[in-house]
Amino acid sequence: MDIFLLLVGFLLVLLGIVGAILPVLPGPLTGWFGLLALHLTSVIPLNWTFLGITLAIALIIWILDYIIPAMGTKKFGGSKYGVYGTTIGLIIGLFVPIPLGILIGAFLGAFIGELLYDSKDTQRAIKASFGSFIGLLASAFIKFFVALVYCVLFFSKIWEYKTVLF
């Protein structure tokens, strides 16, 4: 059972890193479930303080993931249309077979969303879509960093208990 939990935990922390970039997976939360699976093994003792702190961080990041792009859009004078366009463009960008399709999709989605809001002011639409894009990048960077830290914590715990596990 421990090997199964280790494999599940390993997959979850890797999915957490992937989820930091893809909008369909909550990256840090998925990584946290990997840490939980690791702590549910019979070898590694449950540390409720560690799990509680890492869960709180994952939940805060999950909430901020919805706030940061909107803050970027608002900071640069955008509307909700730009935020929605960013999300839609991000999802469409997942399926575009070119490098950086996600980033291009997010920018174009925000731009199109802002043009739908006010088709006459293209300068404002460009500025707002840039703000949304910056907010999206900032959010993705924060999620990636936290998911990477969870991955390092996962492997450090395995390393700490390697003689008992293997």
N, C-alpha and C. Protein backbone atom coordinates (compact mmCIF):
# COMPACT_ATOMS: atom_id res chain seq x y z
N MET A 1 0.83 -1.20 0.00
CA MET A 1 0.00 0.00 0.00
C MET A 1 0.87 1.26 0.00
N ASP A 2 2.02 1.18 0.70
CA ASP A 2 2.90 2.35 0.75
C ASP A 2 3.45 2.70 -0.63
N ILE A 3 3.81 1.69 -1.40
CA ILE A 3 4.32 1.95 -2.75
C ILE A 3 3.24 2.61 -3.60
N PHE A 4 2.00 2.14 -3.48
CA PHE A 4 0.89 2.73 -4.22
C PHE A 4 0.72 4.20 -3.83
N LEU A 5 0.75 4.49 -2.52
CA LEU A 5 0.60 5.87 -2.06
C LEU A 5 1.77 6.74 -2.52
N LEU A 6 2.96 6.17 -2.55
CA LEU A 6 4.12 6.91 -3.06
C LEU A 6 3.94 7.25 -4.54
N LEU A 7 3.47 6.30 -5.32
CA LEU A 7 3.25 6.54 -6.75
C LEU A 7 2.16 7.58 -6.97
N VAL A 8 1.07 7.45 -6.23
CA VAL A 8 -0.02 8.43 -6.35
C VAL A 8 0.48 9.81 -5.94
N GLY A 9 1.22 9.88 -4.83
CA GLY A 9 1.77 11.16 -4.38
C GLY A 9 2.71 11.76 -5.40
N PHE A 10 3.56 10.91 -5.98
CA PHE A 10 4.49 11.37 -7.00
C PHE A 10 3.74 11.94 -8.20
N LEU A 11 2.72 11.23 -8.66
CA LEU A 11 1.93 11.72 -9.80
C LEU A 11 1.22 13.03 -9.47
N LEU A 12 0.72 13.13 -8.24
CA LEU A 12 0.01 14.35 -7.86
C LEU A 12 0.93 15.56 -7.76
N VAL A 13 2.15 15.39 -7.23
CA VAL A 13 3.04 16.56 -7.17
C VAL A 13 3.51 16.96 -8.57
N LEU A 14 3.67 15.98 -9.46
CA LEU A 14 4.01 16.32 -10.85
C LEU A 14 2.84 17.01 -11.54
N LEU A 15 1.63 16.52 -11.29
CA LEU A 15 0.44 17.18 -11.84
C LEU A 15 0.28 18.59 -11.25
N GLY A 16 0.74 18.77 -10.03
CA GLY A 16 0.70 20.09 -9.41
C GLY A 16 1.57 21.08 -10.17
N ILE A 17 2.73 20.63 -10.63
CA ILE A 17 3.61 21.50 -11.42
C ILE A 17 2.97 21.80 -12.77
N VAL A 18 2.40 20.77 -13.40
CA VAL A 18 1.72 20.96 -14.68
C VAL A 18 0.51 21.89 -14.49
N GLY A 19 -0.21 21.69 -13.40
CA GLY A 19 -1.39 22.51 -13.11
C GLY A 19 -1.07 23.95 -12.82
N ALA A 20 0.18 24.24 -12.51
CA ALA A 20 0.56 25.64 -12.30
C ALA A 20 0.52 26.41 -13.61
N ILE A 21 0.65 25.69 -14.71
CA ILE A 21 0.65 26.33 -16.03
C ILE A 21 -0.70 26.18 -16.71
N LEU A 22 -1.30 25.00 -16.59
CA LEU A 22 -2.60 24.75 -17.22
C LEU A 22 -3.73 25.26 -16.34
N PRO A 23 -4.70 25.92 -16.91
CA PRO A 23 -5.77 26.49 -16.09
C PRO A 23 -6.79 25.48 -15.60
N VAL A 24 -6.77 24.25 -16.10
CA VAL A 24 -7.79 23.29 -15.72
C VAL A 24 -7.47 22.56 -14.43
N LEU A 25 -6.22 22.59 -13.99
CA LEU A 25 -5.82 21.93 -12.75
C LEU A 25 -5.40 22.96 -11.71
N PRO A 26 -5.88 22.82 -10.49
CA PRO A 26 -5.39 23.71 -9.43
C PRO A 26 -4.02 23.21 -8.96
N GLY A 27 -2.95 23.77 -9.49
CA GLY A 27 -1.60 23.28 -9.29
C GLY A 27 -1.19 23.03 -7.85
N PRO A 28 -1.12 24.06 -7.01
CA PRO A 28 -0.67 23.83 -5.63
C PRO A 28 -1.59 22.90 -4.84
N LEU A 29 -2.87 22.96 -5.07
CA LEU A 29 -3.78 22.05 -4.37
C LEU A 29 -3.53 20.59 -4.78
N THR A 30 -3.31 20.37 -6.06
CA THR A 30 -3.01 19.02 -6.52
C THR A 30 -1.70 18.54 -5.92
N GLY A 31 -0.70 19.42 -5.87
CA GLY A 31 0.57 19.07 -5.24
C GLY A 31 0.40 18.78 -3.77
N TRP A 32 -0.48 19.51 -3.09
CA TRP A 32 -0.72 19.26 -1.68
C TRP A 32 -1.30 17.87 -1.47
N PHE A 33 -2.20 17.44 -2.35
CA PHE A 33 -2.74 16.09 -2.22
C PHE A 33 -1.64 15.04 -2.38
N GLY A 34 -0.61 15.36 -3.16
CA GLY A 34 0.55 14.48 -3.25
C GLY A 34 1.28 14.40 -1.92
N LEU A 35 1.43 15.54 -1.24
CA LEU A 35 2.03 15.53 0.09
C LEU A 35 1.18 14.74 1.08
N LEU A 36 -0.12 14.90 0.97
CA LEU A 36 -1.03 14.15 1.85
C LEU A 36 -0.89 12.65 1.62
N ALA A 37 -0.84 12.23 0.36
CA ALA A 37 -0.67 10.81 0.05
C ALA A 37 0.63 10.28 0.65
N LEU A 38 1.67 11.08 0.58
CA LEU A 38 2.96 10.68 1.16
C LEU A 38 2.84 10.51 2.66
N HIS A 39 2.15 11.41 3.32
CA HIS A 39 2.01 11.34 4.78
C HIS A 39 1.02 10.26 5.22
N LEU A 40 0.24 9.74 4.29
CA LEU A 40 -0.67 8.66 4.65
C LEU A 40 0.00 7.29 4.60
N THR A 41 1.25 7.25 4.14
CA THR A 41 1.98 5.98 4.17
C THR A 41 2.24 5.61 5.62
N SER A 42 2.47 4.33 5.86
CA SER A 42 2.70 3.88 7.24
C SER A 42 4.10 4.23 7.72
N VAL A 43 4.99 4.59 6.82
CA VAL A 43 6.38 4.85 7.18
C VAL A 43 6.60 6.30 7.61
N ILE A 44 6.02 7.21 6.90
CA ILE A 44 6.23 8.64 7.19
C ILE A 44 5.14 9.10 8.15
N PRO A 45 5.55 9.63 9.30
CA PRO A 45 4.54 10.04 10.29
C PRO A 45 3.75 11.27 9.82
N LEU A 46 2.49 11.28 10.21
CA LEU A 46 1.64 12.43 9.88
C LEU A 46 2.08 13.63 10.72
N ASN A 47 2.31 14.72 10.06
CA ASN A 47 2.66 15.96 10.73
C ASN A 47 1.54 16.94 10.40
N TRP A 48 0.58 17.06 11.30
CA TRP A 48 -0.60 17.87 11.02
C TRP A 48 -0.27 19.35 10.86
N THR A 49 0.74 19.82 11.57
CA THR A 49 1.13 21.22 11.42
C THR A 49 1.66 21.48 10.01
N PHE A 50 2.54 20.61 9.55
CA PHE A 50 3.09 20.71 8.19
C PHE A 50 1.97 20.65 7.15
N LEU A 51 1.09 19.67 7.29
CA LEU A 51 -0.01 19.53 6.33
C LEU A 51 -0.97 20.71 6.40
N GLY A 52 -1.22 21.22 7.58
CA GLY A 52 -2.13 22.37 7.73
C GLY A 52 -1.57 23.64 7.10
N ILE A 53 -0.29 23.89 7.33
CA ILE A 53 0.34 25.08 6.76
C ILE A 53 0.40 25.00 5.24
N THR A 54 0.80 23.84 4.73
CA THR A 54 0.89 23.70 3.27
C THR A 54 -0.50 23.74 2.63
N LEU A 55 -1.52 23.22 3.32
CA LEU A 55 -2.89 23.32 2.79
C LEU A 55 -3.36 24.77 2.78
N ALA A 56 -3.07 25.51 3.84
CA ALA A 56 -3.47 26.92 3.89
C ALA A 56 -2.81 27.70 2.76
N ILE A 57 -1.54 27.44 2.51
CA ILE A 57 -0.84 28.12 1.41
C ILE A 57 -1.47 27.77 0.08
N ALA A 58 -1.77 26.47 -0.12
CA ALA A 58 -2.38 26.03 -1.38
C ALA A 58 -3.74 26.68 -1.59
N LEU A 59 -4.53 26.79 -0.54
CA LEU A 59 -5.85 27.41 -0.66
C LEU A 59 -5.74 28.91 -0.94
N ILE A 60 -4.81 29.57 -0.29
CA ILE A 60 -4.61 31.01 -0.53
C ILE A 60 -4.19 31.25 -1.98
N ILE A 61 -3.26 30.42 -2.47
CA ILE A 61 -2.80 30.56 -3.86
C ILE A 61 -3.95 30.27 -4.82
N TRP A 62 -4.77 29.28 -4.49
CA TRP A 62 -5.91 28.93 -5.34
C TRP A 62 -6.88 30.12 -5.45
N ILE A 63 -7.12 30.78 -4.35
CA ILE A 63 -8.01 31.96 -4.35
C ILE A 63 -7.35 33.12 -5.10
N LEU A 64 -6.06 33.35 -4.83
CA LEU A 64 -5.35 34.45 -5.51
C LEU A 64 -5.26 34.22 -7.01
N ASP A 65 -5.30 32.98 -7.44
CA ASP A 65 -5.24 32.67 -8.87
C ASP A 65 -6.41 33.31 -9.62
N TYR A 66 -7.51 33.50 -8.96
CA TYR A 66 -8.66 34.14 -9.59
C TYR A 66 -8.62 35.66 -9.44
N ILE A 67 -7.87 36.14 -8.48
CA ILE A 67 -7.85 37.57 -8.19
C ILE A 67 -6.73 38.29 -8.95
N ILE A 68 -5.55 37.69 -9.05
CA ILE A 68 -4.39 38.36 -9.62
C ILE A 68 -4.59 38.78 -11.08
N PRO A 69 -5.07 37.90 -11.99
CA PRO A 69 -5.29 38.38 -13.36
C PRO A 69 -6.31 39.52 -13.45
N ALA A 70 -7.34 39.43 -12.62
CA ALA A 70 -8.33 40.51 -12.60
C ALA A 70 -7.71 41.81 -12.09
N MET A 71 -6.83 41.70 -11.10
CA MET A 71 -6.14 42.89 -10.60
C MET A 71 -5.26 43.50 -11.69
N GLY A 72 -4.57 42.63 -12.45
CA GLY A 72 -3.74 43.13 -13.54
C GLY A 72 -4.56 43.84 -14.59
N THR A 73 -5.71 43.26 -14.91
CA THR A 73 -6.59 43.88 -15.90
C THR A 73 -7.12 45.22 -15.39
N LYS A 74 -7.58 45.25 -14.16
CA LYS A 74 -8.12 46.49 -13.60
C LYS A 74 -7.03 47.55 -13.47
N LYS A 75 -5.83 47.13 -13.09
CA LYS A 75 -4.72 48.07 -12.93
C LYS A 75 -4.39 48.76 -14.24
N PHE A 76 -4.57 48.05 -15.35
CA PHE A 76 -4.27 48.62 -16.66
C PHE A 76 -5.53 49.14 -17.36
N GLY A 77 -6.62 49.29 -16.62
CA GLY A 77 -7.82 49.91 -17.16
C GLY A 77 -8.76 48.98 -17.90
N GLY A 78 -8.72 47.71 -17.61
CA GLY A 78 -9.56 46.76 -18.33
C GLY A 78 -10.89 46.50 -17.66
N SER A 79 -11.68 45.67 -18.30
CA SER A 79 -13.01 45.32 -17.81
C SER A 79 -13.08 43.82 -17.53
N LYS A 80 -14.26 43.38 -17.09
CA LYS A 80 -14.47 41.95 -16.88
C LYS A 80 -14.39 41.18 -18.19
N TYR A 81 -14.72 41.84 -19.28
CA TYR A 81 -14.64 41.19 -20.58
C TYR A 81 -13.20 40.76 -20.89
N GLY A 82 -12.26 41.59 -20.48
CA GLY A 82 -10.84 41.24 -20.67
C GLY A 82 -10.43 40.05 -19.84
N VAL A 83 -10.95 39.99 -18.60
CA VAL A 83 -10.65 38.85 -17.73
C VAL A 83 -11.25 37.56 -18.32
N TYR A 84 -12.50 37.64 -18.74
CA TYR A 84 -13.14 36.47 -19.34
C TYR A 84 -12.43 36.06 -20.63
N GLY A 85 -12.07 37.06 -21.43
CA GLY A 85 -11.35 36.78 -22.67
C GLY A 85 -10.01 36.11 -22.41
N THR A 86 -9.32 36.53 -21.36
CA THR A 86 -8.05 35.91 -21.00
C THR A 86 -8.24 34.44 -20.70
N THR A 87 -9.24 34.12 -19.91
CA THR A 87 -9.50 32.73 -19.54
C THR A 87 -9.87 31.90 -20.75
N ILE A 88 -10.75 32.42 -21.58
CA ILE A 88 -11.16 31.69 -22.78
C ILE A 88 -9.97 31.52 -23.73
N GLY A 89 -9.19 32.57 -23.92
CA GLY A 89 -8.02 32.48 -24.78
C GLY A 89 -6.98 31.51 -24.26
N LEU A 90 -6.86 31.44 -22.94
CA LEU A 90 -5.94 30.50 -22.31
C LEU A 90 -6.35 29.06 -22.60
N ILE A 91 -7.62 28.79 -22.47
CA ILE A 91 -8.12 27.43 -22.72
C ILE A 91 -7.98 27.07 -24.20
N ILE A 92 -8.31 28.00 -25.08
CA ILE A 92 -8.15 27.75 -26.52
C ILE A 92 -6.66 27.56 -26.86
N GLY A 93 -5.81 28.35 -26.20
CA GLY A 93 -4.38 28.25 -26.44
C GLY A 93 -3.79 26.90 -26.08
N LEU A 94 -4.48 26.17 -25.19
CA LEU A 94 -4.02 24.82 -24.84
C LEU A 94 -4.03 23.89 -26.05
N PHE A 95 -4.97 24.11 -26.94
CA PHE A 95 -5.17 23.21 -28.07
C PHE A 95 -4.49 23.68 -29.35
N VAL A 96 -3.83 24.82 -29.30
CA VAL A 96 -3.12 25.34 -30.47
C VAL A 96 -1.73 24.69 -30.49
N PRO A 97 -1.37 24.05 -31.59
CA PRO A 97 -0.11 23.29 -31.61
C PRO A 97 1.14 24.13 -31.88
N ILE A 98 1.16 25.35 -31.38
CA ILE A 98 2.37 26.16 -31.54
C ILE A 98 2.97 26.42 -30.16
N PRO A 99 4.27 26.63 -30.10
CA PRO A 99 4.85 26.98 -28.81
C PRO A 99 4.26 28.29 -28.29
N LEU A 100 4.11 28.36 -27.02
CA LEU A 100 3.56 29.54 -26.35
C LEU A 100 2.11 29.83 -26.74
N GLY A 101 1.39 28.80 -27.18
CA GLY A 101 -0.02 28.98 -27.55
C GLY A 101 -0.86 29.48 -26.40
N ILE A 102 -0.52 29.06 -25.18
CA ILE A 102 -1.27 29.49 -24.00
C ILE A 102 -1.10 31.00 -23.81
N LEU A 103 0.13 31.48 -23.93
CA LEU A 103 0.38 32.90 -23.70
C LEU A 103 -0.24 33.76 -24.80
N ILE A 104 -0.08 33.32 -26.03
CA ILE A 104 -0.67 34.07 -27.16
C ILE A 104 -2.20 34.06 -27.05
N GLY A 105 -2.75 32.89 -26.70
CA GLY A 105 -4.20 32.78 -26.54
C GLY A 105 -4.73 33.69 -25.44
N ALA A 106 -4.00 33.77 -24.32
CA ALA A 106 -4.43 34.63 -23.22
C ALA A 106 -4.42 36.10 -23.64
N PHE A 107 -3.36 36.51 -24.32
CA PHE A 107 -3.27 37.90 -24.75
C PHE A 107 -4.36 38.23 -25.76
N LEU A 108 -4.50 37.37 -26.77
CA LEU A 108 -5.52 37.62 -27.80
C LEU A 108 -6.93 37.56 -27.22
N GLY A 109 -7.15 36.63 -26.29
CA GLY A 109 -8.46 36.54 -25.64
C GLY A 109 -8.81 37.81 -24.88
N ALA A 110 -7.83 38.34 -24.14
CA ALA A 110 -8.07 39.59 -23.40
C ALA A 110 -8.31 40.74 -24.36
N PHE A 111 -7.55 40.77 -25.44
CA PHE A 111 -7.70 41.84 -26.43
C PHE A 111 -9.09 41.78 -27.07
N ILE A 112 -9.51 40.60 -27.49
CA ILE A 112 -10.83 40.44 -28.12
C ILE A 112 -11.94 40.76 -27.12
N GLY A 113 -11.75 40.31 -25.87
CA GLY A 113 -12.74 40.63 -24.84
C GLY A 113 -12.89 42.12 -24.62
N GLU A 114 -11.77 42.83 -24.61
CA GLU A 114 -11.83 44.28 -24.43
C GLU A 114 -12.43 44.97 -25.65
N LEU A 115 -12.17 44.44 -26.83
CA LEU A 115 -12.79 45.01 -28.03
C LEU A 115 -14.30 44.78 -28.04
N LEU A 116 -14.74 43.66 -27.50
CA LEU A 116 -16.18 43.43 -27.38
C LEU A 116 -16.80 44.41 -26.40
N TYR A 117 -16.05 44.78 -25.39
CA TYR A 117 -16.55 45.74 -24.41
C TYR A 117 -16.64 47.14 -25.01
N ASP A 118 -15.58 47.54 -25.73
CA ASP A 118 -15.55 48.87 -26.34
C ASP A 118 -14.72 48.77 -27.62
N SER A 119 -15.41 48.61 -28.74
CA SER A 119 -14.72 48.36 -30.01
C SER A 119 -14.01 49.59 -30.57
N LYS A 120 -14.27 50.76 -30.04
CA LYS A 120 -13.68 51.97 -30.60
C LYS A 120 -12.32 52.32 -29.99
N ASP A 121 -12.05 51.81 -28.81
CA ASP A 121 -10.83 52.20 -28.10
C ASP A 121 -9.82 51.05 -28.13
N THR A 122 -9.10 50.91 -29.23
CA THR A 122 -8.15 49.81 -29.36
C THR A 122 -6.91 50.03 -28.47
N GLN A 123 -6.53 51.25 -28.23
CA GLN A 123 -5.37 51.50 -27.36
C GLN A 123 -5.66 51.01 -25.94
N ARG A 124 -6.85 51.31 -25.44
CA ARG A 124 -7.22 50.84 -24.11
C ARG A 124 -7.31 49.32 -24.09
N ALA A 125 -7.81 48.74 -25.18
CA ALA A 125 -7.92 47.28 -25.26
C ALA A 125 -6.54 46.63 -25.23
N ILE A 126 -5.58 47.22 -25.92
CA ILE A 126 -4.22 46.67 -25.90
C ILE A 126 -3.61 46.81 -24.51
N LYS A 127 -3.80 47.96 -23.91
CA LYS A 127 -3.26 48.20 -22.57
C LYS A 127 -3.88 47.25 -21.55
N ALA A 128 -5.19 47.09 -21.60
CA ALA A 128 -5.89 46.20 -20.66
C ALA A 128 -5.51 44.74 -20.89
N SER A 129 -5.38 44.33 -22.15
CA SER A 129 -5.01 42.94 -22.41
C SER A 129 -3.57 42.68 -21.96
N PHE A 130 -2.71 43.68 -22.06
CA PHE A 130 -1.36 43.54 -21.54
C PHE A 130 -1.39 43.38 -20.02
N GLY A 131 -2.24 44.14 -19.34
CA GLY A 131 -2.39 44.01 -17.89
C GLY A 131 -2.91 42.65 -17.49
N SER A 132 -3.87 42.16 -18.22
CA SER A 132 -4.41 40.83 -17.95
C SER A 132 -3.34 39.77 -18.17
N PHE A 133 -2.56 39.94 -19.22
CA PHE A 133 -1.48 39.02 -19.54
C PHE A 133 -0.43 39.02 -18.44
N ILE A 134 -0.05 40.20 -17.95
CA ILE A 134 0.93 40.31 -16.86
C ILE A 134 0.38 39.65 -15.59
N GLY A 135 -0.89 39.89 -15.29
CA GLY A 135 -1.51 39.26 -14.13
C GLY A 135 -1.53 37.75 -14.25
N LEU A 136 -1.81 37.26 -15.43
CA LEU A 136 -1.81 35.82 -15.67
C LEU A 136 -0.41 35.24 -15.47
N LEU A 137 0.60 35.92 -16.00
CA LEU A 137 1.97 35.44 -15.83
C LEU A 137 2.39 35.46 -14.36
N ALA A 138 2.02 36.50 -13.65
CA ALA A 138 2.36 36.59 -12.23
C ALA A 138 1.69 35.45 -11.45
N SER A 139 0.44 35.21 -11.74
CA SER A 139 -0.29 34.14 -11.07
C SER A 139 0.32 32.78 -11.38
N ALA A 140 0.65 32.55 -12.65
CA ALA A 140 1.25 31.28 -13.04
C ALA A 140 2.62 31.10 -12.38
N PHE A 141 3.39 32.17 -12.28
CA PHE A 141 4.70 32.07 -11.63
C PHE A 141 4.56 31.70 -10.16
N ILE A 142 3.63 32.33 -9.47
CA ILE A 142 3.41 32.04 -8.05
C ILE A 142 2.97 30.58 -7.89
N LYS A 143 2.02 30.15 -8.71
CA LYS A 143 1.56 28.76 -8.62
C LYS A 143 2.69 27.78 -8.92
N PHE A 144 3.49 28.08 -9.94
CA PHE A 144 4.59 27.21 -10.30
C PHE A 144 5.61 27.12 -9.16
N PHE A 145 5.92 28.24 -8.55
CA PHE A 145 6.87 28.26 -7.45
C PHE A 145 6.38 27.42 -6.28
N VAL A 146 5.12 27.59 -5.89
CA VAL A 146 4.57 26.83 -4.76
C VAL A 146 4.52 25.34 -5.11
N ALA A 147 4.09 25.01 -6.33
CA ALA A 147 4.03 23.60 -6.73
C ALA A 147 5.43 22.98 -6.76
N LEU A 148 6.41 23.75 -7.18
CA LEU A 148 7.79 23.26 -7.19
C LEU A 148 8.30 23.04 -5.76
N VAL A 149 7.96 23.95 -4.85
CA VAL A 149 8.34 23.78 -3.45
C VAL A 149 7.69 22.51 -2.88
N TYR A 150 6.43 22.26 -3.22
CA TYR A 150 5.77 21.04 -2.75
C TYR A 150 6.45 19.80 -3.30
N CYS A 151 6.90 19.86 -4.53
CA CYS A 151 7.62 18.74 -5.14
C CYS A 151 8.94 18.51 -4.40
N VAL A 152 9.65 19.59 -4.10
CA VAL A 152 10.91 19.46 -3.35
C VAL A 152 10.64 18.91 -1.95
N LEU A 153 9.59 19.37 -1.30
CA LEU A 153 9.23 18.84 0.02
C LEU A 153 8.91 17.35 -0.05
N PHE A 154 8.21 16.95 -1.09
CA PHE A 154 7.86 15.54 -1.30
C PHE A 154 9.14 14.70 -1.39
N PHE A 155 10.05 15.12 -2.24
CA PHE A 155 11.28 14.33 -2.43
C PHE A 155 12.21 14.42 -1.23
N SER A 156 12.19 15.51 -0.50
CA SER A 156 13.03 15.59 0.70
C SER A 156 12.52 14.64 1.78
N LYS A 157 11.20 14.48 1.88
CA LYS A 157 10.63 13.52 2.83
C LYS A 157 10.98 12.09 2.42
N ILE A 158 10.91 11.82 1.13
CA ILE A 158 11.30 10.48 0.65
C ILE A 158 12.77 10.24 0.95
N TRP A 159 13.61 11.23 0.71
CA TRP A 159 15.04 11.09 0.97
C TRP A 159 15.29 10.87 2.46
N GLU A 160 14.55 11.58 3.30
CA GLU A 160 14.71 11.46 4.74
C GLU A 160 14.36 10.05 5.24
N TYR A 161 13.38 9.43 4.62
CA TYR A 161 12.91 8.12 5.05
C TYR A 161 13.27 7.01 4.04
N LYS A 162 14.28 7.25 3.23
CA LYS A 162 14.61 6.30 2.14
C LYS A 162 14.98 4.92 2.65
N THR A 163 15.67 4.84 3.78
CA THR A 163 16.08 3.52 4.28
C THR A 163 14.90 2.70 4.75
N VAL A 164 13.87 3.34 5.26
CA VAL A 164 12.68 2.63 5.72
C VAL A 164 11.74 2.32 4.56
N LEU A 165 11.69 3.22 3.59
CA LEU A 165 10.79 3.04 2.44
C LEU A 165 11.27 1.96 1.48
N PHE A 166 12.57 1.94 1.24
CA PHE A 166 13.09 1.03 0.22
C PHE A 166 13.94 -0.01 0.87
